[in-house]
Structure formats: C-alpha cells, structure tokens
Amino acid sequence: MSFVPSSLSSSPPSPSSPSPVSPRPLGTDAPATCEVPHFAPVRVRGGCCQLRRLLRHRRRAVAAGLAVTAAALVAAGPRESDRARGHPVAEPVRQHRTVERVSAPVRIADGETVRLLRPGDRVDVIAAEETATGGDARVVARGARVTKVPEPVDFAGESGALVVLSVPRSTAAGLAGASATARLAVTLC
C-alpha cells in the first residue's frame, strides 16, 4: 500500500467528505513577505587583518613583542619568598673597600732611572739582593704611583736617587724593610 497525498492524487476530493487538512496550492502556507530595510554592509575586523597590519609595521610589532617579554620577565622574577625556598637571588654589589694609601720615600739605586719618572707614573719596585751564590730579585711593590720626584742633592757619599711613591700601608712597611737589606730598582708599568 502506498500513500499518496490528496493534493497529488488524480481524483479530486469530494466536497461532501470532511477533510482535516484543507487542500491549498503549494507555497500558499508561507507568511506574507515584508520589506527588509536597507543597511550598510557589516565589516568584521578579524585577526587576519590585524596580523597583516602588524607585519606592515614591523617596528611596532618588535616593540610590542619586547614589551610583552619584559613584562613576562618582571612578573616571573625573583621574589622575597623565593629566598626562603632556596632559590638563588642576586646579591647587591658590595662596595669596594678603600685601602689606606701612604706616601713612602724610597731610594732607588740607579739615579738616572729616577730622572725618567714623572708624578703619576706607575712603577714596580724590585729588590735585588746580592748573595755569594748570585743575585736574587723579588717584586716588593706592584703598580705603585709616583707622587713626587724630589730634586737630586749631590752628596759625595750617597748613591741613587729618592722618589716618593703612593702605596698601601702594608706595602710601605715591606719597602722600608727591603731598602735596608737590598738595592731597589724600578720598572715602568
């Protein structure tokens, strides 16, 4: 048995038989049309257009990327609570201790070498000891600053020349001790 709708059947419906659905032509059951008002087209700005704009303005894109990176680094940086958990936190730079410097007068064995020196020059002071088996030399002061080169006073019995050096207090004691037992020489730094 096949079902054929009454509107498509070849025999027309009888007017005397009541039908639950009244036959109408197709498409007549749609609502009446209404007019749609005119409006401007809707333009959606999506991520694609923004990406193209960023690529056109590379400097802005790089600056924005750096700003985001900096913000992320600051946000992820060490906190005071990290110190308690054992995370290393950079310590502030310690101030260098100032070393007390003193002026030490030193007699250099070669007076002609002292004539080459000027205030502000840096020199190494070397103590040369003469022994029976040969000479032994050691550096007594490194990088000592020449502060004064006094005028030579000619004494018949004196040899060498005097120079005033600015050195740390501990080095000045070593210079005084070395000058008593050895001949001192300087080299320019």
N, C-alpha and C. Protein backbone atom coordinates (compact mmCIF):
# COMPACT_ATOMS: atom_id res chain seq x y z
N MET A 1 0.83 -1.15 0.00
CA MET A 1 0.00 0.00 0.00
C MET A 1 0.88 1.22 0.00
N SER A 2 0.58 2.11 -0.88
CA SER A 2 1.36 3.32 -0.98
C SER A 2 0.50 4.50 -0.61
N PHE A 3 1.15 5.45 -0.04
CA PHE A 3 0.44 6.63 0.40
C PHE A 3 0.70 7.72 -0.59
N VAL A 4 -0.37 8.33 -1.06
CA VAL A 4 -0.27 9.44 -2.00
C VAL A 4 -1.02 10.60 -1.39
N PRO A 5 -0.42 11.77 -1.27
CA PRO A 5 -1.11 12.90 -0.69
C PRO A 5 -2.32 13.28 -1.52
N SER A 6 -3.29 13.81 -0.87
CA SER A 6 -4.55 14.11 -1.52
C SER A 6 -4.40 15.20 -2.57
N SER A 7 -3.48 16.10 -2.39
CA SER A 7 -3.32 17.16 -3.37
C SER A 7 -2.68 16.64 -4.62
N LEU A 8 -2.00 15.49 -4.55
CA LEU A 8 -1.35 14.94 -5.72
C LEU A 8 -2.14 13.79 -6.34
N SER A 9 -3.14 13.37 -5.72
CA SER A 9 -3.91 12.24 -6.25
C SER A 9 -4.65 12.66 -7.52
N SER A 10 -4.92 11.71 -8.33
CA SER A 10 -5.57 12.01 -9.61
C SER A 10 -7.05 12.30 -9.44
N SER A 11 -7.66 11.79 -8.43
CA SER A 11 -9.09 12.04 -8.25
C SER A 11 -9.27 13.25 -7.34
N PRO A 12 -10.08 14.15 -7.70
CA PRO A 12 -10.30 15.33 -6.86
C PRO A 12 -11.08 14.94 -5.61
N PRO A 13 -10.86 15.61 -4.52
CA PRO A 13 -11.55 15.25 -3.30
C PRO A 13 -13.03 15.62 -3.41
N SER A 14 -13.76 14.86 -2.77
CA SER A 14 -15.19 15.14 -2.84
C SER A 14 -15.52 16.22 -1.85
N PRO A 15 -16.39 17.15 -2.26
CA PRO A 15 -16.71 18.25 -1.38
C PRO A 15 -17.56 17.83 -0.20
N SER A 16 -18.16 16.73 -0.28
CA SER A 16 -19.01 16.32 0.81
C SER A 16 -18.26 15.67 1.95
N SER A 17 -17.08 15.13 1.66
CA SER A 17 -16.33 14.46 2.73
C SER A 17 -15.47 15.47 3.49
N PRO A 18 -15.63 15.50 4.80
CA PRO A 18 -14.82 16.45 5.56
C PRO A 18 -13.36 15.98 5.61
N SER A 19 -12.45 16.90 5.44
CA SER A 19 -11.01 16.58 5.46
C SER A 19 -10.34 17.39 6.56
N PRO A 20 -9.47 16.77 7.34
CA PRO A 20 -8.83 17.54 8.41
C PRO A 20 -7.93 18.65 7.87
N VAL A 21 -7.34 18.44 6.74
CA VAL A 21 -6.47 19.44 6.15
C VAL A 21 -7.13 19.88 4.86
N SER A 22 -7.31 21.17 4.75
CA SER A 22 -7.91 21.65 3.53
C SER A 22 -6.82 21.78 2.48
N PRO A 23 -7.09 21.28 1.31
CA PRO A 23 -6.05 21.34 0.29
C PRO A 23 -5.87 22.77 -0.22
N ARG A 24 -4.62 23.21 -0.26
CA ARG A 24 -4.26 24.51 -0.80
C ARG A 24 -3.14 24.30 -1.80
N PRO A 25 -2.97 25.25 -2.65
CA PRO A 25 -1.83 25.11 -3.58
C PRO A 25 -0.51 25.23 -2.80
N LEU A 26 0.51 24.61 -3.34
CA LEU A 26 1.81 24.61 -2.67
C LEU A 26 2.36 26.03 -2.58
N GLY A 27 2.98 26.35 -1.43
CA GLY A 27 3.60 27.65 -1.22
C GLY A 27 2.67 28.70 -0.71
N THR A 28 1.41 28.42 -0.56
CA THR A 28 0.49 29.42 -0.06
C THR A 28 0.45 29.47 1.46
N ASP A 29 1.07 28.50 2.12
CA ASP A 29 1.06 28.49 3.57
C ASP A 29 2.18 29.34 4.17
N ALA A 30 3.07 29.94 3.35
CA ALA A 30 4.16 30.80 3.84
C ALA A 30 3.60 32.15 4.25
N PRO A 31 4.23 32.83 5.25
CA PRO A 31 3.73 34.14 5.67
C PRO A 31 3.95 35.16 4.57
N ALA A 32 3.26 36.23 4.69
CA ALA A 32 3.37 37.29 3.69
C ALA A 32 4.77 37.91 3.78
N THR A 33 5.25 38.35 2.66
CA THR A 33 6.58 38.96 2.62
C THR A 33 6.52 40.34 3.22
N CYS A 34 7.64 40.73 3.85
CA CYS A 34 7.76 42.08 4.36
C CYS A 34 9.06 42.66 3.81
N GLU A 35 9.15 43.94 3.78
CA GLU A 35 10.31 44.56 3.19
C GLU A 35 11.40 44.71 4.24
N VAL A 36 12.65 44.36 3.88
CA VAL A 36 13.80 44.48 4.77
C VAL A 36 14.40 45.85 4.57
N PRO A 37 14.62 46.57 5.63
CA PRO A 37 15.19 47.92 5.47
C PRO A 37 16.63 47.84 4.94
N HIS A 38 17.05 48.89 4.25
CA HIS A 38 18.40 48.95 3.69
C HIS A 38 19.39 49.32 4.80
N PHE A 39 20.51 48.62 4.87
CA PHE A 39 21.54 48.93 5.86
C PHE A 39 22.91 48.76 5.19
N ALA A 40 23.90 49.43 5.78
CA ALA A 40 25.26 49.37 5.24
C ALA A 40 25.85 48.00 5.50
N PRO A 41 26.77 47.58 4.65
CA PRO A 41 27.38 46.26 4.87
C PRO A 41 28.15 46.22 6.19
N VAL A 42 28.16 45.09 6.82
CA VAL A 42 28.86 44.91 8.09
C VAL A 42 30.27 44.41 7.78
N ARG A 43 31.28 45.15 8.27
CA ARG A 43 32.68 44.75 8.06
C ARG A 43 33.24 44.29 9.41
N VAL A 44 33.70 43.06 9.45
CA VAL A 44 34.24 42.49 10.67
C VAL A 44 35.76 42.53 10.59
N ARG A 45 36.36 43.17 11.59
CA ARG A 45 37.82 43.23 11.61
C ARG A 45 38.31 42.04 12.42
N GLY A 46 38.87 41.11 11.74
CA GLY A 46 39.32 39.90 12.41
C GLY A 46 40.81 39.91 12.65
N GLY A 47 41.33 38.81 13.17
CA GLY A 47 42.74 38.68 13.46
C GLY A 47 43.61 38.71 12.22
N CYS A 48 43.06 38.30 11.10
CA CYS A 48 43.84 38.26 9.87
C CYS A 48 44.27 39.66 9.46
N CYS A 49 43.35 40.62 9.53
CA CYS A 49 43.68 41.99 9.15
C CYS A 49 44.67 42.59 10.14
N GLN A 50 44.52 42.30 11.42
CA GLN A 50 45.44 42.84 12.41
C GLN A 50 46.83 42.26 12.22
N LEU A 51 46.93 41.00 11.86
CA LEU A 51 48.22 40.38 11.61
C LEU A 51 48.91 41.03 10.42
N ARG A 52 48.15 41.29 9.38
CA ARG A 52 48.73 41.96 8.20
C ARG A 52 49.22 43.35 8.56
N ARG A 53 48.46 44.06 9.36
CA ARG A 53 48.85 45.41 9.76
C ARG A 53 50.12 45.36 10.59
N LEU A 54 50.23 44.39 11.51
CA LEU A 54 51.44 44.26 12.31
C LEU A 54 52.65 43.95 11.44
N LEU A 55 52.45 43.12 10.43
CA LEU A 55 53.55 42.79 9.54
C LEU A 55 54.00 44.01 8.74
N ARG A 56 53.06 44.89 8.41
CA ARG A 56 53.42 46.10 7.70
C ARG A 56 54.20 47.05 8.60
N HIS A 57 53.89 47.06 9.86
CA HIS A 57 54.54 47.96 10.81
C HIS A 57 55.44 47.11 11.71
N ARG A 58 56.55 46.65 11.19
CA ARG A 58 57.41 45.72 11.92
C ARG A 58 58.01 46.33 13.18
N ARG A 59 58.36 47.60 13.12
CA ARG A 59 58.95 48.22 14.30
C ARG A 59 57.99 48.18 15.47
N ARG A 60 56.73 48.46 15.18
CA ARG A 60 55.73 48.41 16.25
C ARG A 60 55.57 46.99 16.77
N ALA A 61 55.62 46.03 15.85
CA ALA A 61 55.47 44.63 16.25
C ALA A 61 56.64 44.20 17.14
N VAL A 62 57.85 44.59 16.77
CA VAL A 62 59.02 44.23 17.57
C VAL A 62 58.94 44.91 18.93
N ALA A 63 58.56 46.18 18.94
CA ALA A 63 58.45 46.91 20.22
C ALA A 63 57.38 46.27 21.10
N ALA A 64 56.27 45.88 20.51
CA ALA A 64 55.22 45.24 21.29
C ALA A 64 55.69 43.89 21.83
N GLY A 65 56.42 43.14 21.02
CA GLY A 65 56.96 41.86 21.47
C GLY A 65 57.94 42.02 22.61
N LEU A 66 58.81 43.02 22.50
CA LEU A 66 59.77 43.28 23.58
C LEU A 66 59.07 43.72 24.86
N ALA A 67 58.04 44.53 24.72
CA ALA A 67 57.31 44.98 25.90
C ALA A 67 56.63 43.80 26.59
N VAL A 68 56.05 42.90 25.82
CA VAL A 68 55.40 41.72 26.41
C VAL A 68 56.44 40.83 27.08
N THR A 69 57.61 40.66 26.44
CA THR A 69 58.67 39.85 27.03
C THR A 69 59.17 40.45 28.33
N ALA A 70 59.38 41.77 28.34
CA ALA A 70 59.84 42.43 29.56
C ALA A 70 58.83 42.28 30.69
N ALA A 71 57.57 42.44 30.35
CA ALA A 71 56.53 42.29 31.38
C ALA A 71 56.50 40.86 31.93
N ALA A 72 56.70 39.89 31.05
CA ALA A 72 56.71 38.49 31.49
C ALA A 72 57.92 38.22 32.39
N LEU A 73 59.07 38.80 32.05
CA LEU A 73 60.25 38.58 32.87
C LEU A 73 60.12 39.24 34.23
N VAL A 74 59.53 40.41 34.27
CA VAL A 74 59.32 41.08 35.56
C VAL A 74 58.33 40.28 36.40
N ALA A 75 57.30 39.78 35.76
CA ALA A 75 56.30 39.01 36.51
C ALA A 75 56.87 37.70 37.03
N ALA A 76 57.80 37.11 36.28
CA ALA A 76 58.38 35.84 36.69
C ALA A 76 59.66 36.00 37.49
N GLY A 77 60.05 37.23 37.80
CA GLY A 77 61.29 37.50 38.51
C GLY A 77 61.28 36.98 39.93
N PRO A 78 62.46 37.03 40.57
CA PRO A 78 62.55 36.52 41.95
C PRO A 78 61.78 37.41 42.93
N ARG A 79 61.25 36.77 43.94
CA ARG A 79 60.51 37.48 44.99
C ARG A 79 61.18 37.17 46.32
N GLU A 80 60.80 37.88 47.32
CA GLU A 80 61.36 37.64 48.65
C GLU A 80 61.02 36.23 49.14
N SER A 81 59.87 35.71 48.74
CA SER A 81 59.50 34.37 49.17
C SER A 81 60.38 33.31 48.53
N ASP A 82 61.00 33.63 47.35
CA ASP A 82 61.88 32.67 46.69
C ASP A 82 63.14 32.43 47.52
N ARG A 83 63.60 33.43 48.23
CA ARG A 83 64.82 33.29 49.02
C ARG A 83 64.63 32.22 50.09
N ALA A 84 63.45 32.15 50.68
CA ALA A 84 63.19 31.16 51.73
C ALA A 84 63.16 29.75 51.18
N ARG A 85 62.80 29.61 49.89
CA ARG A 85 62.73 28.29 49.30
C ARG A 85 64.06 27.82 48.75
N GLY A 86 65.08 28.64 48.84
CA GLY A 86 66.40 28.21 48.40
C GLY A 86 66.75 28.62 46.99
N HIS A 87 65.93 29.43 46.35
CA HIS A 87 66.26 29.89 45.02
C HIS A 87 67.33 30.97 45.13
N PRO A 88 68.37 30.91 44.27
CA PRO A 88 69.41 31.94 44.35
C PRO A 88 68.88 33.28 43.86
N VAL A 89 69.17 34.30 44.61
CA VAL A 89 68.79 35.66 44.24
C VAL A 89 70.08 36.47 44.20
N ALA A 90 70.24 37.28 43.18
CA ALA A 90 71.46 38.06 43.03
C ALA A 90 71.62 39.01 44.21
N GLU A 91 72.79 38.98 44.78
CA GLU A 91 73.10 39.87 45.90
C GLU A 91 73.51 41.23 45.34
N PRO A 92 73.25 42.29 46.06
CA PRO A 92 73.70 43.60 45.60
C PRO A 92 75.23 43.66 45.57
N VAL A 93 75.73 44.45 44.67
CA VAL A 93 77.18 44.57 44.52
C VAL A 93 77.75 45.22 45.77
N ARG A 94 78.76 44.57 46.31
CA ARG A 94 79.39 45.13 47.50
C ARG A 94 80.31 46.28 47.12
N GLN A 95 80.35 47.25 47.95
CA GLN A 95 81.23 48.38 47.73
C GLN A 95 82.67 47.95 48.01
N HIS A 96 83.57 48.38 47.13
CA HIS A 96 84.97 48.04 47.33
C HIS A 96 85.50 48.78 48.55
N ARG A 97 86.26 48.05 49.30
CA ARG A 97 86.86 48.63 50.48
C ARG A 97 87.99 49.56 50.04
N THR A 98 88.03 50.74 50.57
CA THR A 98 89.11 51.65 50.22
C THR A 98 90.32 51.29 51.05
N VAL A 99 91.44 51.16 50.36
CA VAL A 99 92.68 50.82 51.03
C VAL A 99 93.38 52.12 51.40
N GLU A 100 93.83 52.19 52.64
CA GLU A 100 94.53 53.39 53.08
C GLU A 100 95.90 53.43 52.42
N ARG A 101 96.13 54.51 51.69
CA ARG A 101 97.40 54.67 50.97
C ARG A 101 98.26 55.70 51.72
N VAL A 102 99.55 55.45 51.72
CA VAL A 102 100.50 56.35 52.37
C VAL A 102 101.59 56.72 51.37
N SER A 103 102.29 57.80 51.65
CA SER A 103 103.43 58.21 50.82
C SER A 103 104.69 57.61 51.43
N ALA A 104 105.44 56.88 50.59
CA ALA A 104 106.66 56.22 51.08
C ALA A 104 107.86 56.72 50.27
N PRO A 105 108.80 57.38 50.92
CA PRO A 105 110.03 57.77 50.21
C PRO A 105 110.94 56.54 50.04
N VAL A 106 111.39 56.34 48.82
CA VAL A 106 112.19 55.16 48.51
C VAL A 106 113.44 55.62 47.76
N ARG A 107 114.61 55.09 48.17
CA ARG A 107 115.86 55.40 47.49
C ARG A 107 116.11 54.31 46.45
N ILE A 108 116.15 54.73 45.19
CA ILE A 108 116.39 53.84 44.07
C ILE A 108 117.89 53.86 43.77
N ALA A 109 118.48 52.69 43.56
CA ALA A 109 119.92 52.58 43.41
C ALA A 109 120.43 53.32 42.17
N ASP A 110 119.70 53.28 41.07
CA ASP A 110 120.13 53.95 39.84
C ASP A 110 119.46 55.30 39.75
N GLY A 111 120.24 56.38 39.98
CA GLY A 111 119.70 57.73 39.98
C GLY A 111 119.24 58.18 38.61
N GLU A 112 119.86 57.67 37.55
CA GLU A 112 119.47 58.06 36.19
C GLU A 112 118.08 57.52 35.82
N THR A 113 117.71 56.40 36.37
CA THR A 113 116.37 55.85 36.13
C THR A 113 115.31 56.74 36.75
N VAL A 114 115.60 57.30 37.91
CA VAL A 114 114.64 58.16 38.60
C VAL A 114 114.39 59.43 37.80
N ARG A 115 115.39 59.90 37.04
CA ARG A 115 115.21 61.11 36.23
C ARG A 115 114.17 60.89 35.13
N LEU A 116 113.89 59.65 34.77
CA LEU A 116 112.88 59.35 33.74
C LEU A 116 111.45 59.40 34.29
N LEU A 117 111.32 59.36 35.60
CA LEU A 117 109.99 59.27 36.21
C LEU A 117 109.35 60.65 36.34
N ARG A 118 108.01 60.66 36.23
CA ARG A 118 107.21 61.87 36.41
C ARG A 118 106.08 61.53 37.39
N PRO A 119 105.57 62.53 38.12
CA PRO A 119 104.43 62.26 39.01
C PRO A 119 103.24 61.70 38.21
N GLY A 120 102.62 60.65 38.75
CA GLY A 120 101.51 59.98 38.10
C GLY A 120 101.91 58.68 37.41
N ASP A 121 103.20 58.46 37.18
CA ASP A 121 103.66 57.21 36.57
C ASP A 121 103.41 56.05 37.52
N ARG A 122 103.21 54.87 36.96
CA ARG A 122 103.06 53.64 37.75
C ARG A 122 104.34 52.82 37.58
N VAL A 123 104.84 52.32 38.71
CA VAL A 123 106.09 51.56 38.68
C VAL A 123 105.97 50.31 39.54
N ASP A 124 106.80 49.32 39.22
CA ASP A 124 107.01 48.16 40.08
C ASP A 124 108.36 48.36 40.75
N VAL A 125 108.43 48.09 42.04
CA VAL A 125 109.69 48.23 42.78
C VAL A 125 110.24 46.83 43.00
N ILE A 126 111.51 46.64 42.61
CA ILE A 126 112.16 45.33 42.69
C ILE A 126 113.33 45.44 43.63
N ALA A 127 113.43 44.47 44.55
CA ALA A 127 114.55 44.42 45.50
C ALA A 127 115.52 43.36 45.00
N ALA A 128 116.77 43.77 44.77
CA ALA A 128 117.81 42.84 44.31
C ALA A 128 118.81 42.64 45.42
N GLU A 129 118.91 41.42 45.91
CA GLU A 129 119.84 41.09 46.98
C GLU A 129 121.03 40.37 46.37
N GLU A 130 122.22 40.77 46.78
CA GLU A 130 123.43 40.10 46.30
C GLU A 130 123.85 39.07 47.34
N THR A 131 124.03 37.85 46.87
CA THR A 131 124.48 36.78 47.77
C THR A 131 125.77 36.21 47.20
N ALA A 132 126.40 35.30 47.93
CA ALA A 132 127.66 34.69 47.48
C ALA A 132 127.43 33.81 46.25
N THR A 133 126.23 33.23 46.13
CA THR A 133 125.96 32.33 45.01
C THR A 133 125.35 33.05 43.82
N GLY A 134 125.04 34.29 43.94
CA GLY A 134 124.44 35.03 42.83
C GLY A 134 123.42 36.02 43.36
N GLY A 135 122.66 36.61 42.44
CA GLY A 135 121.67 37.61 42.83
C GLY A 135 120.28 37.01 42.90
N ASP A 136 119.51 37.53 43.82
CA ASP A 136 118.12 37.09 43.97
C ASP A 136 117.26 38.35 43.91
N ALA A 137 116.23 38.36 43.06
CA ALA A 137 115.38 39.55 42.91
C ALA A 137 113.93 39.16 43.20
N ARG A 138 113.23 40.10 43.83
CA ARG A 138 111.81 39.89 44.10
C ARG A 138 111.09 41.22 43.97
N VAL A 139 109.80 41.15 43.61
CA VAL A 139 108.99 42.36 43.47
C VAL A 139 108.43 42.72 44.84
N VAL A 140 108.72 43.93 45.28
CA VAL A 140 108.26 44.38 46.59
C VAL A 140 106.94 45.13 46.48
N ALA A 141 106.76 45.94 45.42
CA ALA A 141 105.53 46.72 45.23
C ALA A 141 105.16 46.68 43.75
N ARG A 142 103.88 46.44 43.48
CA ARG A 142 103.38 46.41 42.10
C ARG A 142 102.44 47.59 41.86
N GLY A 143 102.64 48.28 40.74
CA GLY A 143 101.75 49.36 40.35
C GLY A 143 101.72 50.54 41.30
N ALA A 144 102.85 50.84 41.94
CA ALA A 144 102.92 51.98 42.86
C ALA A 144 102.89 53.27 42.05
N ARG A 145 102.15 54.27 42.52
CA ARG A 145 102.04 55.54 41.80
C ARG A 145 103.09 56.51 42.31
N VAL A 146 103.81 57.11 41.37
CA VAL A 146 104.82 58.10 41.72
C VAL A 146 104.10 59.40 42.04
N THR A 147 104.32 59.93 43.26
CA THR A 147 103.67 61.19 43.63
C THR A 147 104.61 62.37 43.54
N LYS A 148 105.91 62.12 43.78
CA LYS A 148 106.86 63.23 43.75
C LYS A 148 108.25 62.70 43.40
N VAL A 149 108.98 63.48 42.61
CA VAL A 149 110.37 63.18 42.31
C VAL A 149 111.17 64.40 42.77
N PRO A 150 111.74 64.32 43.98
CA PRO A 150 112.48 65.48 44.50
C PRO A 150 113.73 65.77 43.67
N GLU A 151 114.16 67.03 43.73
CA GLU A 151 115.40 67.43 43.04
C GLU A 151 116.57 66.71 43.69
N PRO A 152 117.48 66.20 42.88
CA PRO A 152 118.62 65.48 43.48
C PRO A 152 119.57 66.45 44.20
N VAL A 153 120.02 66.01 45.33
CA VAL A 153 121.02 66.76 46.09
C VAL A 153 122.31 65.95 46.01
N ASP A 154 123.35 66.55 45.48
CA ASP A 154 124.59 65.80 45.28
C ASP A 154 125.37 65.70 46.59
N PHE A 155 125.49 64.48 47.09
CA PHE A 155 126.35 64.18 48.21
C PHE A 155 127.40 63.21 47.70
N ALA A 156 128.59 63.37 48.12
CA ALA A 156 129.67 62.52 47.62
C ALA A 156 129.49 61.07 48.06
N GLY A 157 128.95 60.86 49.25
CA GLY A 157 128.83 59.51 49.78
C GLY A 157 127.54 58.80 49.37
N GLU A 158 126.56 59.52 48.86
CA GLU A 158 125.26 58.92 48.55
C GLU A 158 125.25 58.42 47.11
N SER A 159 124.57 57.33 46.89
CA SER A 159 124.36 56.84 45.54
C SER A 159 122.85 56.64 45.35
N GLY A 160 122.40 56.77 44.14
CA GLY A 160 120.98 56.60 43.85
C GLY A 160 120.23 57.89 43.98
N ALA A 161 118.90 57.80 43.88
CA ALA A 161 118.05 58.99 43.95
C ALA A 161 116.78 58.64 44.69
N LEU A 162 116.16 59.66 45.22
CA LEU A 162 114.96 59.49 46.04
C LEU A 162 113.71 59.70 45.18
N VAL A 163 112.67 58.90 45.44
CA VAL A 163 111.37 59.04 44.78
C VAL A 163 110.30 58.77 45.84
N VAL A 164 109.17 59.49 45.77
CA VAL A 164 108.08 59.29 46.72
C VAL A 164 106.96 58.54 45.99
N LEU A 165 106.54 57.41 46.58
CA LEU A 165 105.52 56.55 45.98
C LEU A 165 104.29 56.51 46.86
N SER A 166 103.11 56.40 46.26
CA SER A 166 101.87 56.21 46.98
C SER A 166 101.53 54.73 46.95
N VAL A 167 101.56 54.09 48.13
CA VAL A 167 101.34 52.65 48.23
C VAL A 167 100.45 52.36 49.44
N PRO A 168 99.86 51.16 49.50
CA PRO A 168 99.13 50.78 50.71
C PRO A 168 100.07 50.69 51.91
N ARG A 169 99.51 50.85 53.09
CA ARG A 169 100.33 50.89 54.31
C ARG A 169 101.17 49.62 54.47
N SER A 170 100.61 48.46 54.17
CA SER A 170 101.37 47.21 54.33
C SER A 170 102.53 47.13 53.34
N THR A 171 102.36 47.65 52.16
CA THR A 171 103.43 47.65 51.16
C THR A 171 104.53 48.62 51.57
N ALA A 172 104.17 49.73 52.20
CA ALA A 172 105.18 50.70 52.65
C ALA A 172 106.12 50.06 53.66
N ALA A 173 105.59 49.24 54.54
CA ALA A 173 106.45 48.55 55.52
C ALA A 173 107.40 47.60 54.80
N GLY A 174 106.91 46.89 53.77
CA GLY A 174 107.77 45.99 53.00
C GLY A 174 108.86 46.73 52.25
N LEU A 175 108.53 47.92 51.74
CA LEU A 175 109.53 48.74 51.04
C LEU A 175 110.63 49.20 51.99
N ALA A 176 110.22 49.64 53.19
CA ALA A 176 111.22 50.10 54.16
C ALA A 176 112.15 48.97 54.57
N GLY A 177 111.61 47.78 54.77
CA GLY A 177 112.44 46.63 55.15
C GLY A 177 113.35 46.19 54.01
N ALA A 178 112.87 46.22 52.78
CA ALA A 178 113.68 45.80 51.64
C ALA A 178 114.81 46.78 51.37
N SER A 179 114.57 48.07 51.59
CA SER A 179 115.61 49.06 51.31
C SER A 179 116.78 48.95 52.29
N ALA A 180 116.54 48.34 53.46
CA ALA A 180 117.62 48.18 54.44
C ALA A 180 118.54 47.03 54.08
N THR A 181 118.07 46.03 53.35
CA THR A 181 118.87 44.84 53.06
C THR A 181 119.22 44.65 51.60
N ALA A 182 118.56 45.40 50.69
CA ALA A 182 118.78 45.16 49.26
C ALA A 182 118.80 46.47 48.50
N ARG A 183 119.27 46.40 47.26
CA ARG A 183 119.24 47.57 46.37
C ARG A 183 117.91 47.55 45.63
N LEU A 184 117.27 48.72 45.54
CA LEU A 184 115.94 48.81 44.92
C LEU A 184 116.06 49.37 43.51
N ALA A 185 115.25 48.82 42.62
CA ALA A 185 115.17 49.29 41.24
C ALA A 185 113.70 49.43 40.88
N VAL A 186 113.39 50.20 39.84
CA VAL A 186 112.01 50.36 39.39
C VAL A 186 111.89 50.00 37.92
N THR A 187 110.70 49.52 37.57
CA THR A 187 110.34 49.31 36.16
C THR A 187 109.03 50.03 35.92
N LEU A 188 108.91 50.66 34.77
CA LEU A 188 107.68 51.38 34.45
C LEU A 188 106.60 50.40 34.04
N CYS A 189 105.37 50.64 34.50
CA CYS A 189 104.23 49.78 34.15
C CYS A 189 103.53 50.32 32.93
